[in-house]
Amino acid sequence: MAPELNFLLAVFWLFLPAAFANMAPVLFKWLPVLVIPMDFGRDLFGKRILGNNKTWRGFFSGVFASLVIIEIQSYLYPFAAGVSMIDYKSRNIIWFGLALGLGAILGDAVKSFIKRRLGILPGRNFLIADQIDWIVGALLLGSLFYSWSLEVWAVAILMFGLLHPLANIIGYWLLLKPNKF
């Protein structure tokens, strides 16, 4: 396999738990528990802190999804070692999966906080930030366990930033999301 393709696959594989964490809140909307806003409906200077779309159901489902995917990756590690940037058996991989999931969910929450300050309504597009918030959060918290080159950062942000709109369109077509972004 070409080194460039191997590198792209390795970055994709590395941040797959974060991608599932980011998708989980939409996939678990059917679950009738914890539909409580993370900000508990509170305002800050007359504006909602996060809004109704950021719920504890989404938070916990995102972290859970990341942990499930990292566990699957650790079982598949012998077969996927050629495209793995890390050894899924050498460290406590669960903590790394937790960091990726938390990073993805918290990155999205920070972006929502900024949107509320700017007066952008929930569900409205905030170009670029909506596409990369979760991967930047995952990169930041994941870097507590591993340090990556600038190339990994750039490829992860570009790759998942470009894949994010495609995933949203598919979610919209499957009637999982009310809008395409």
N, C-alpha and C. Protein backbone atom coordinates (compact mmCIF):
# COMPACT_ATOMS: atom_id res chain seq x y z
N MET A 1 0.85 -1.18 0.00
CA MET A 1 0.00 0.00 0.00
C MET A 1 0.90 1.24 0.00
N ALA A 2 0.50 2.25 -0.74
CA ALA A 2 1.28 3.49 -0.82
C ALA A 2 1.36 4.14 0.56
N PRO A 3 2.51 4.70 0.91
CA PRO A 3 2.67 5.30 2.24
C PRO A 3 1.65 6.40 2.53
N GLU A 4 1.29 7.18 1.50
CA GLU A 4 0.33 8.26 1.72
C GLU A 4 -1.06 7.70 2.06
N LEU A 5 -1.47 6.66 1.35
CA LEU A 5 -2.77 6.04 1.61
C LEU A 5 -2.76 5.38 2.99
N ASN A 6 -1.66 4.74 3.34
CA ASN A 6 -1.53 4.11 4.64
C ASN A 6 -1.65 5.17 5.75
N PHE A 7 -1.04 6.33 5.55
CA PHE A 7 -1.11 7.40 6.53
C PHE A 7 -2.54 7.91 6.68
N LEU A 8 -3.25 8.10 5.57
CA LEU A 8 -4.64 8.55 5.62
C LEU A 8 -5.52 7.55 6.35
N LEU A 9 -5.33 6.28 6.05
CA LEU A 9 -6.09 5.23 6.74
C LEU A 9 -5.77 5.20 8.23
N ALA A 10 -4.51 5.41 8.57
CA ALA A 10 -4.10 5.40 9.98
C ALA A 10 -4.74 6.55 10.75
N VAL A 11 -4.79 7.73 10.15
CA VAL A 11 -5.44 8.87 10.80
C VAL A 11 -6.94 8.61 10.95
N PHE A 12 -7.55 8.07 9.90
CA PHE A 12 -8.97 7.74 9.96
C PHE A 12 -9.24 6.73 11.08
N TRP A 13 -8.45 5.67 11.15
CA TRP A 13 -8.61 4.63 12.14
C TRP A 13 -8.42 5.18 13.56
N LEU A 14 -7.44 6.04 13.73
CA LEU A 14 -7.11 6.60 15.03
C LEU A 14 -8.27 7.41 15.61
N PHE A 15 -8.94 8.19 14.76
CA PHE A 15 -9.99 9.09 15.25
C PHE A 15 -11.41 8.57 14.99
N LEU A 16 -11.52 7.33 14.60
CA LEU A 16 -12.84 6.72 14.40
C LEU A 16 -13.70 6.74 15.67
N PRO A 17 -13.14 6.49 16.86
CA PRO A 17 -13.98 6.59 18.05
C PRO A 17 -14.58 7.99 18.25
N ALA A 18 -13.81 9.02 17.95
CA ALA A 18 -14.32 10.39 18.06
C ALA A 18 -15.42 10.65 17.04
N ALA A 19 -15.27 10.10 15.84
CA ALA A 19 -16.30 10.28 14.81
C ALA A 19 -17.61 9.63 15.26
N PHE A 20 -17.53 8.45 15.85
CA PHE A 20 -18.75 7.79 16.35
C PHE A 20 -19.33 8.55 17.53
N ALA A 21 -18.46 9.12 18.37
CA ALA A 21 -18.95 9.94 19.48
C ALA A 21 -19.73 11.13 18.95
N ASN A 22 -19.26 11.72 17.88
CA ASN A 22 -19.93 12.87 17.28
C ASN A 22 -21.27 12.49 16.65
N MET A 23 -21.36 11.29 16.10
CA MET A 23 -22.61 10.84 15.46
C MET A 23 -23.62 10.28 16.45
N ALA A 24 -23.17 9.81 17.59
CA ALA A 24 -24.04 9.11 18.54
C ALA A 24 -25.25 9.92 19.00
N PRO A 25 -25.12 11.21 19.31
CA PRO A 25 -26.31 11.94 19.76
C PRO A 25 -27.47 11.88 18.76
N VAL A 26 -27.16 11.90 17.48
CA VAL A 26 -28.20 11.80 16.45
C VAL A 26 -28.75 10.38 16.41
N LEU A 27 -27.88 9.39 16.51
CA LEU A 27 -28.30 7.99 16.43
C LEU A 27 -29.10 7.55 17.64
N PHE A 28 -28.91 8.21 18.78
CA PHE A 28 -29.61 7.82 20.01
C PHE A 28 -30.77 8.75 20.35
N LYS A 29 -31.25 9.54 19.40
CA LYS A 29 -32.38 10.43 19.66
C LYS A 29 -33.65 9.68 20.04
N TRP A 30 -33.77 8.46 19.65
CA TRP A 30 -34.95 7.65 19.97
C TRP A 30 -35.01 7.28 21.45
N LEU A 31 -33.89 7.33 22.14
CA LEU A 31 -33.81 6.93 23.54
C LEU A 31 -34.48 7.97 24.43
N PRO A 32 -35.52 7.58 25.18
CA PRO A 32 -36.30 8.58 25.93
C PRO A 32 -35.74 8.95 27.31
N VAL A 33 -34.45 8.77 27.53
CA VAL A 33 -33.87 9.11 28.83
C VAL A 33 -32.84 10.23 28.69
N LEU A 34 -32.64 10.94 29.77
CA LEU A 34 -31.64 12.00 29.86
C LEU A 34 -31.80 13.09 28.80
N VAL A 35 -33.04 13.36 28.40
CA VAL A 35 -33.31 14.41 27.43
C VAL A 35 -33.35 15.73 28.20
N ILE A 36 -32.28 15.98 28.90
CA ILE A 36 -32.14 17.16 29.74
C ILE A 36 -31.00 17.99 29.16
N PRO A 37 -31.25 19.27 28.92
CA PRO A 37 -30.15 20.10 28.39
C PRO A 37 -28.95 20.10 29.34
N MET A 38 -27.77 20.05 28.77
CA MET A 38 -26.56 20.07 29.58
C MET A 38 -26.45 21.35 30.39
N ASP A 39 -27.02 22.44 29.88
CA ASP A 39 -26.98 23.71 30.62
C ASP A 39 -28.17 23.87 31.56
N PHE A 40 -29.01 22.82 31.65
CA PHE A 40 -30.19 22.81 32.50
C PHE A 40 -31.11 24.00 32.24
N GLY A 41 -31.09 24.52 31.00
CA GLY A 41 -31.97 25.62 30.62
C GLY A 41 -31.53 26.98 31.12
N ARG A 42 -30.32 27.07 31.61
CA ARG A 42 -29.83 28.32 32.19
C ARG A 42 -29.29 29.27 31.12
N ASP A 43 -29.35 30.56 31.47
CA ASP A 43 -28.84 31.62 30.61
C ASP A 43 -27.55 32.20 31.18
N LEU A 44 -26.81 32.83 30.32
CA LEU A 44 -25.63 33.60 30.70
C LEU A 44 -25.74 34.94 30.00
N PHE A 45 -25.92 36.00 30.74
CA PHE A 45 -26.10 37.35 30.19
C PHE A 45 -27.25 37.40 29.19
N GLY A 46 -28.34 36.71 29.54
CA GLY A 46 -29.55 36.76 28.73
C GLY A 46 -29.58 35.82 27.54
N LYS A 47 -28.56 34.99 27.36
CA LYS A 47 -28.53 34.02 26.27
C LYS A 47 -28.28 32.64 26.85
N ARG A 48 -28.92 31.64 26.26
CA ARG A 48 -28.71 30.26 26.70
C ARG A 48 -27.23 29.92 26.66
N ILE A 49 -26.82 29.11 27.61
CA ILE A 49 -25.40 28.72 27.67
C ILE A 49 -25.07 27.82 26.48
N LEU A 50 -25.84 26.75 26.30
CA LEU A 50 -25.62 25.81 25.20
C LEU A 50 -26.85 25.64 24.32
N GLY A 51 -28.02 25.63 24.91
CA GLY A 51 -29.26 25.42 24.16
C GLY A 51 -29.83 24.04 24.42
N ASN A 52 -31.04 23.82 23.93
CA ASN A 52 -31.75 22.56 24.16
C ASN A 52 -31.16 21.38 23.39
N ASN A 53 -30.40 21.64 22.34
CA ASN A 53 -29.88 20.55 21.50
C ASN A 53 -28.71 19.80 22.14
N LYS A 54 -28.09 20.36 23.13
CA LYS A 54 -26.97 19.70 23.81
C LYS A 54 -27.51 19.07 25.09
N THR A 55 -27.79 17.76 25.02
CA THR A 55 -28.42 17.06 26.14
C THR A 55 -27.45 16.09 26.80
N TRP A 56 -27.84 15.67 28.00
CA TRP A 56 -27.05 14.66 28.69
C TRP A 56 -27.15 13.32 27.98
N ARG A 57 -28.25 13.06 27.29
CA ARG A 57 -28.37 11.84 26.48
C ARG A 57 -27.28 11.85 25.40
N GLY A 58 -27.12 12.97 24.71
CA GLY A 58 -26.10 13.09 23.68
C GLY A 58 -24.70 12.97 24.25
N PHE A 59 -24.48 13.57 25.41
CA PHE A 59 -23.17 13.51 26.06
C PHE A 59 -22.79 12.07 26.36
N PHE A 60 -23.68 11.38 27.09
CA PHE A 60 -23.36 10.01 27.50
C PHE A 60 -23.35 9.03 26.33
N SER A 61 -24.24 9.22 25.35
CA SER A 61 -24.23 8.32 24.19
C SER A 61 -22.96 8.52 23.37
N GLY A 62 -22.47 9.75 23.29
CA GLY A 62 -21.23 10.01 22.57
C GLY A 62 -20.03 9.35 23.22
N VAL A 63 -19.92 9.50 24.52
CA VAL A 63 -18.81 8.88 25.24
C VAL A 63 -18.92 7.36 25.16
N PHE A 64 -20.13 6.82 25.32
CA PHE A 64 -20.35 5.37 25.22
C PHE A 64 -19.94 4.86 23.84
N ALA A 65 -20.35 5.55 22.78
CA ALA A 65 -20.01 5.12 21.42
C ALA A 65 -18.50 5.09 21.22
N SER A 66 -17.81 6.09 21.72
CA SER A 66 -16.36 6.12 21.59
C SER A 66 -15.72 4.94 22.29
N LEU A 67 -16.21 4.62 23.48
CA LEU A 67 -15.65 3.49 24.23
C LEU A 67 -15.92 2.16 23.52
N VAL A 68 -17.09 2.01 22.94
CA VAL A 68 -17.41 0.78 22.20
C VAL A 68 -16.48 0.64 20.99
N ILE A 69 -16.30 1.72 20.25
CA ILE A 69 -15.45 1.64 19.05
C ILE A 69 -14.00 1.38 19.42
N ILE A 70 -13.48 2.01 20.47
CA ILE A 70 -12.09 1.78 20.84
C ILE A 70 -11.90 0.34 21.32
N GLU A 71 -12.92 -0.22 21.95
CA GLU A 71 -12.85 -1.62 22.38
C GLU A 71 -12.84 -2.55 21.16
N ILE A 72 -13.67 -2.26 20.18
CA ILE A 72 -13.67 -3.05 18.94
C ILE A 72 -12.31 -2.93 18.26
N GLN A 73 -11.76 -1.73 18.22
CA GLN A 73 -10.44 -1.54 17.61
C GLN A 73 -9.36 -2.35 18.34
N SER A 74 -9.46 -2.41 19.65
CA SER A 74 -8.44 -3.17 20.40
C SER A 74 -8.53 -4.67 20.08
N TYR A 75 -9.75 -5.17 19.84
CA TYR A 75 -9.90 -6.57 19.45
C TYR A 75 -9.42 -6.80 18.03
N LEU A 76 -9.60 -5.82 17.16
CA LEU A 76 -9.17 -5.94 15.77
C LEU A 76 -7.70 -5.58 15.57
N TYR A 77 -7.04 -5.11 16.62
CA TYR A 77 -5.68 -4.61 16.49
C TYR A 77 -4.72 -5.56 15.78
N PRO A 78 -4.71 -6.84 16.09
CA PRO A 78 -3.75 -7.69 15.37
C PRO A 78 -3.93 -7.62 13.85
N PHE A 79 -5.16 -7.45 13.39
CA PHE A 79 -5.42 -7.41 11.96
C PHE A 79 -5.21 -6.02 11.37
N ALA A 80 -5.38 -5.01 12.21
CA ALA A 80 -5.28 -3.62 11.73
C ALA A 80 -3.97 -2.96 12.13
N ALA A 81 -3.02 -3.74 12.61
CA ALA A 81 -1.75 -3.16 13.09
C ALA A 81 -1.04 -2.37 12.00
N GLY A 82 -1.22 -2.76 10.74
CA GLY A 82 -0.55 -2.07 9.63
C GLY A 82 -1.03 -0.65 9.41
N VAL A 83 -2.23 -0.34 9.87
CA VAL A 83 -2.75 1.03 9.72
C VAL A 83 -2.98 1.69 11.08
N SER A 84 -2.36 1.17 12.12
CA SER A 84 -2.53 1.74 13.45
C SER A 84 -1.34 2.60 13.81
N MET A 85 -1.62 3.80 14.30
CA MET A 85 -0.56 4.69 14.76
C MET A 85 -0.15 4.40 16.19
N ILE A 86 -1.00 3.66 16.90
CA ILE A 86 -0.72 3.34 18.29
C ILE A 86 -0.89 1.84 18.49
N ASP A 87 -0.31 1.35 19.56
CA ASP A 87 -0.46 -0.06 19.93
C ASP A 87 -1.65 -0.16 20.86
N TYR A 88 -2.74 -0.72 20.39
CA TYR A 88 -3.98 -0.79 21.16
C TYR A 88 -3.89 -1.76 22.33
N LYS A 89 -2.80 -2.48 22.45
CA LYS A 89 -2.62 -3.41 23.57
C LYS A 89 -1.60 -2.91 24.60
N SER A 90 -0.83 -1.86 24.27
CA SER A 90 0.27 -1.47 25.14
C SER A 90 -0.13 -0.48 26.24
N ARG A 91 -1.20 0.23 26.07
CA ARG A 91 -1.62 1.22 27.05
C ARG A 91 -3.06 0.94 27.47
N ASN A 92 -3.49 1.65 28.47
CA ASN A 92 -4.88 1.52 28.87
C ASN A 92 -5.73 2.25 27.84
N ILE A 93 -6.12 1.55 26.84
CA ILE A 93 -6.79 2.12 25.67
C ILE A 93 -8.16 2.70 26.01
N ILE A 94 -8.78 2.20 27.06
CA ILE A 94 -10.10 2.71 27.47
C ILE A 94 -10.00 4.19 27.83
N TRP A 95 -8.95 4.59 28.52
CA TRP A 95 -8.78 6.00 28.88
C TRP A 95 -8.60 6.87 27.65
N PHE A 96 -7.89 6.34 26.67
CA PHE A 96 -7.70 7.07 25.42
C PHE A 96 -9.04 7.21 24.69
N GLY A 97 -9.82 6.13 24.65
CA GLY A 97 -11.15 6.19 24.04
C GLY A 97 -12.05 7.17 24.76
N LEU A 98 -11.96 7.20 26.08
CA LEU A 98 -12.73 8.16 26.86
C LEU A 98 -12.32 9.59 26.50
N ALA A 99 -11.03 9.83 26.36
CA ALA A 99 -10.54 11.17 26.00
C ALA A 99 -11.04 11.58 24.62
N LEU A 100 -11.02 10.66 23.67
CA LEU A 100 -11.50 10.99 22.32
C LEU A 100 -12.99 11.30 22.34
N GLY A 101 -13.77 10.49 23.05
CA GLY A 101 -15.22 10.73 23.13
C GLY A 101 -15.55 12.03 23.83
N LEU A 102 -14.93 12.24 24.98
CA LEU A 102 -15.16 13.49 25.71
C LEU A 102 -14.72 14.70 24.89
N GLY A 103 -13.58 14.55 24.23
CA GLY A 103 -13.08 15.65 23.40
C GLY A 103 -14.05 16.01 22.28
N ALA A 104 -14.59 14.99 21.63
CA ALA A 104 -15.54 15.24 20.54
C ALA A 104 -16.80 15.93 21.05
N ILE A 105 -17.36 15.43 22.14
CA ILE A 105 -18.60 15.99 22.68
C ILE A 105 -18.36 17.39 23.26
N LEU A 106 -17.27 17.56 23.99
CA LEU A 106 -16.99 18.87 24.57
C LEU A 106 -16.59 19.89 23.51
N GLY A 107 -15.91 19.45 22.46
CA GLY A 107 -15.59 20.36 21.36
C GLY A 107 -16.86 20.90 20.72
N ASP A 108 -17.84 20.03 20.55
CA ASP A 108 -19.14 20.45 20.01
C ASP A 108 -19.85 21.39 20.97
N ALA A 109 -19.76 21.12 22.27
CA ALA A 109 -20.41 21.98 23.27
C ALA A 109 -19.77 23.36 23.31
N VAL A 110 -18.45 23.43 23.20
CA VAL A 110 -17.76 24.73 23.18
C VAL A 110 -18.21 25.53 21.96
N LYS A 111 -18.33 24.86 20.82
CA LYS A 111 -18.81 25.54 19.62
C LYS A 111 -20.23 26.06 19.81
N SER A 112 -21.08 25.27 20.46
CA SER A 112 -22.45 25.71 20.74
C SER A 112 -22.46 26.92 21.66
N PHE A 113 -21.59 26.93 22.64
CA PHE A 113 -21.46 28.08 23.54
C PHE A 113 -21.11 29.34 22.74
N ILE A 114 -20.16 29.20 21.83
CA ILE A 114 -19.76 30.34 20.99
C ILE A 114 -20.91 30.78 20.09
N LYS A 115 -21.62 29.80 19.50
CA LYS A 115 -22.78 30.14 18.65
C LYS A 115 -23.82 30.93 19.43
N ARG A 116 -24.10 30.53 20.67
CA ARG A 116 -25.09 31.25 21.47
C ARG A 116 -24.62 32.68 21.74
N ARG A 117 -23.33 32.87 21.99
CA ARG A 117 -22.80 34.21 22.24
C ARG A 117 -22.92 35.08 20.99
N LEU A 118 -22.77 34.45 19.81
CA LEU A 118 -22.85 35.19 18.55
C LEU A 118 -24.28 35.36 18.06
N GLY A 119 -25.23 34.77 18.77
CA GLY A 119 -26.63 34.88 18.39
C GLY A 119 -27.05 33.94 17.27
N ILE A 120 -26.25 32.90 17.01
CA ILE A 120 -26.59 31.91 15.98
C ILE A 120 -27.51 30.88 16.64
N LEU A 121 -28.68 30.71 16.07
CA LEU A 121 -29.67 29.81 16.64
C LEU A 121 -29.24 28.35 16.56
N PRO A 122 -29.70 27.51 17.50
CA PRO A 122 -29.40 26.07 17.44
C PRO A 122 -29.88 25.48 16.11
N GLY A 123 -29.07 24.63 15.54
CA GLY A 123 -29.42 24.00 14.27
C GLY A 123 -29.03 24.82 13.05
N ARG A 124 -28.66 26.08 13.25
CA ARG A 124 -28.22 26.91 12.13
C ARG A 124 -26.74 26.65 11.86
N ASN A 125 -26.36 26.78 10.61
CA ASN A 125 -24.99 26.49 10.20
C ASN A 125 -24.02 27.55 10.70
N PHE A 126 -22.91 27.11 11.23
CA PHE A 126 -21.80 27.95 11.63
C PHE A 126 -20.59 27.41 10.86
N LEU A 127 -20.46 27.91 9.63
CA LEU A 127 -19.52 27.38 8.66
C LEU A 127 -18.13 27.13 9.25
N ILE A 128 -17.58 26.05 8.92
CA ILE A 128 -16.28 25.50 9.32
C ILE A 128 -16.31 25.02 10.77
N ALA A 129 -16.78 25.84 11.70
CA ALA A 129 -16.81 25.42 13.11
C ALA A 129 -17.69 24.18 13.28
N ASP A 130 -18.83 24.12 12.60
CA ASP A 130 -19.70 22.95 12.71
C ASP A 130 -19.03 21.69 12.17
N GLN A 131 -18.11 21.83 11.26
CA GLN A 131 -17.47 20.67 10.64
C GLN A 131 -16.27 20.17 11.44
N ILE A 132 -15.58 21.04 12.16
CA ILE A 132 -14.32 20.61 12.79
C ILE A 132 -14.30 20.70 14.31
N ASP A 133 -15.35 21.21 14.93
CA ASP A 133 -15.35 21.40 16.39
C ASP A 133 -15.03 20.11 17.14
N TRP A 134 -15.68 19.04 16.75
CA TRP A 134 -15.53 17.77 17.46
C TRP A 134 -14.15 17.15 17.25
N ILE A 135 -13.59 17.28 16.05
CA ILE A 135 -12.27 16.67 15.82
C ILE A 135 -11.17 17.47 16.51
N VAL A 136 -11.33 18.78 16.58
CA VAL A 136 -10.36 19.59 17.32
C VAL A 136 -10.41 19.24 18.80
N GLY A 137 -11.62 19.08 19.34
CA GLY A 137 -11.75 18.66 20.74
C GLY A 137 -11.11 17.30 20.99
N ALA A 138 -11.34 16.36 20.07
CA ALA A 138 -10.76 15.02 20.20
C ALA A 138 -9.23 15.07 20.10
N LEU A 139 -8.73 15.88 19.19
CA LEU A 139 -7.27 16.03 19.06
C LEU A 139 -6.67 16.59 20.34
N LEU A 140 -7.34 17.60 20.90
CA LEU A 140 -6.82 18.23 22.12
C LEU A 140 -6.80 17.26 23.30
N LEU A 141 -7.93 16.60 23.57
CA LEU A 141 -7.95 15.69 24.71
C LEU A 141 -7.15 14.42 24.44
N GLY A 142 -7.17 13.95 23.20
CA GLY A 142 -6.37 12.77 22.85
C GLY A 142 -4.88 13.02 22.99
N SER A 143 -4.48 14.28 22.83
CA SER A 143 -3.05 14.60 22.95
C SER A 143 -2.55 14.52 24.39
N LEU A 144 -3.45 14.31 25.34
CA LEU A 144 -3.01 14.04 26.71
C LEU A 144 -2.33 12.67 26.80
N PHE A 145 -2.63 11.80 25.83
CA PHE A 145 -2.07 10.45 25.81
C PHE A 145 -0.98 10.27 24.76
N TYR A 146 -1.15 10.93 23.64
CA TYR A 146 -0.19 10.81 22.54
C TYR A 146 0.07 12.18 21.96
N SER A 147 1.30 12.41 21.53
CA SER A 147 1.57 13.67 20.84
C SER A 147 1.71 13.34 19.35
N TRP A 148 1.04 14.15 18.54
CA TRP A 148 1.03 13.93 17.11
C TRP A 148 1.71 15.07 16.39
N SER A 149 2.19 14.74 15.22
CA SER A 149 2.82 15.77 14.39
C SER A 149 1.77 16.74 13.87
N LEU A 150 2.24 17.86 13.40
CA LEU A 150 1.33 18.83 12.78
C LEU A 150 0.64 18.22 11.58
N GLU A 151 1.32 17.30 10.91
CA GLU A 151 0.72 16.63 9.75
C GLU A 151 -0.51 15.82 10.16
N VAL A 152 -0.44 15.13 11.30
CA VAL A 152 -1.59 14.37 11.79
C VAL A 152 -2.73 15.32 12.11
N TRP A 153 -2.42 16.42 12.79
CA TRP A 153 -3.45 17.42 13.13
C TRP A 153 -4.12 17.93 11.85
N ALA A 154 -3.30 18.33 10.88
CA ALA A 154 -3.85 18.91 9.64
C ALA A 154 -4.68 17.90 8.87
N VAL A 155 -4.18 16.68 8.73
CA VAL A 155 -4.91 15.65 7.98
C VAL A 155 -6.22 15.30 8.69
N ALA A 156 -6.18 15.16 10.02
CA ALA A 156 -7.40 14.82 10.77
C ALA A 156 -8.45 15.91 10.60
N ILE A 157 -8.04 17.16 10.72
CA ILE A 157 -9.00 18.27 10.60
C ILE A 157 -9.55 18.35 9.18
N LEU A 158 -8.67 18.23 8.19
CA LEU A 158 -9.14 18.28 6.80
C LEU A 158 -10.00 17.07 6.44
N MET A 159 -9.54 15.89 6.79
CA MET A 159 -10.26 14.67 6.43
C MET A 159 -11.65 14.64 7.04
N PHE A 160 -11.71 14.82 8.36
CA PHE A 160 -13.01 14.73 9.02
C PHE A 160 -13.86 15.98 8.79
N GLY A 161 -13.20 17.10 8.55
CA GLY A 161 -13.95 18.30 8.18
C GLY A 161 -14.66 18.13 6.86
N LEU A 162 -14.05 17.39 5.94
CA LEU A 162 -14.68 17.12 4.64
C LEU A 162 -15.69 15.98 4.71
N LEU A 163 -15.44 15.00 5.57
CA LEU A 163 -16.37 13.87 5.71
C LEU A 163 -17.62 14.25 6.51
N HIS A 164 -17.49 15.22 7.38
CA HIS A 164 -18.61 15.62 8.24
C HIS A 164 -19.85 16.05 7.45
N PRO A 165 -19.72 16.92 6.45
CA PRO A 165 -20.92 17.29 5.68
C PRO A 165 -21.55 16.09 4.96
N LEU A 166 -20.72 15.18 4.47
CA LEU A 166 -21.24 13.99 3.81
C LEU A 166 -22.05 13.14 4.79
N ALA A 167 -21.54 12.96 5.99
CA ALA A 167 -22.27 12.21 7.02
C ALA A 167 -23.59 12.90 7.37
N ASN A 168 -23.57 14.23 7.41
CA ASN A 168 -24.80 14.97 7.71
C ASN A 168 -25.84 14.81 6.61
N ILE A 169 -25.40 14.83 5.37
CA ILE A 169 -26.34 14.66 4.25
C ILE A 169 -26.95 13.26 4.29
N ILE A 170 -26.13 12.26 4.56
CA ILE A 170 -26.64 10.90 4.67
C ILE A 170 -27.64 10.81 5.82
N GLY A 171 -27.32 11.42 6.97
CA GLY A 171 -28.24 11.44 8.10
C GLY A 171 -29.55 12.13 7.77
N TYR A 172 -29.47 13.18 6.98
CA TYR A 172 -30.68 13.90 6.54
C TYR A 172 -31.52 13.01 5.63
N TRP A 173 -30.88 12.35 4.67
CA TRP A 173 -31.60 11.46 3.75
C TRP A 173 -32.25 10.29 4.48
N LEU A 174 -31.59 9.83 5.55
CA LEU A 174 -32.12 8.70 6.34
C LEU A 174 -33.13 9.19 7.40
N LEU A 175 -33.45 10.47 7.35
CA LEU A 175 -34.41 11.09 8.26
C LEU A 175 -33.95 11.06 9.72
N LEU A 176 -32.64 11.02 9.93
CA LEU A 176 -32.08 11.04 11.28
C LEU A 176 -31.82 12.46 11.74
N LYS A 177 -31.66 13.38 10.78
CA LYS A 177 -31.38 14.78 11.08
C LYS A 177 -32.40 15.67 10.39
N PRO A 178 -32.78 16.77 11.06
CA PRO A 178 -33.77 17.66 10.46
C PRO A 178 -33.21 18.59 9.38
N ASN A 179 -31.87 18.70 9.33
CA ASN A 179 -31.25 19.55 8.30
C ASN A 179 -29.98 18.89 7.78
N LYS A 180 -29.44 19.46 6.72
CA LYS A 180 -28.29 18.84 6.04
C LYS A 180 -26.94 19.24 6.64
N PHE A 181 -26.94 20.08 7.66
CA PHE A 181 -25.65 20.51 8.23
C PHE A 181 -25.60 20.31 9.71
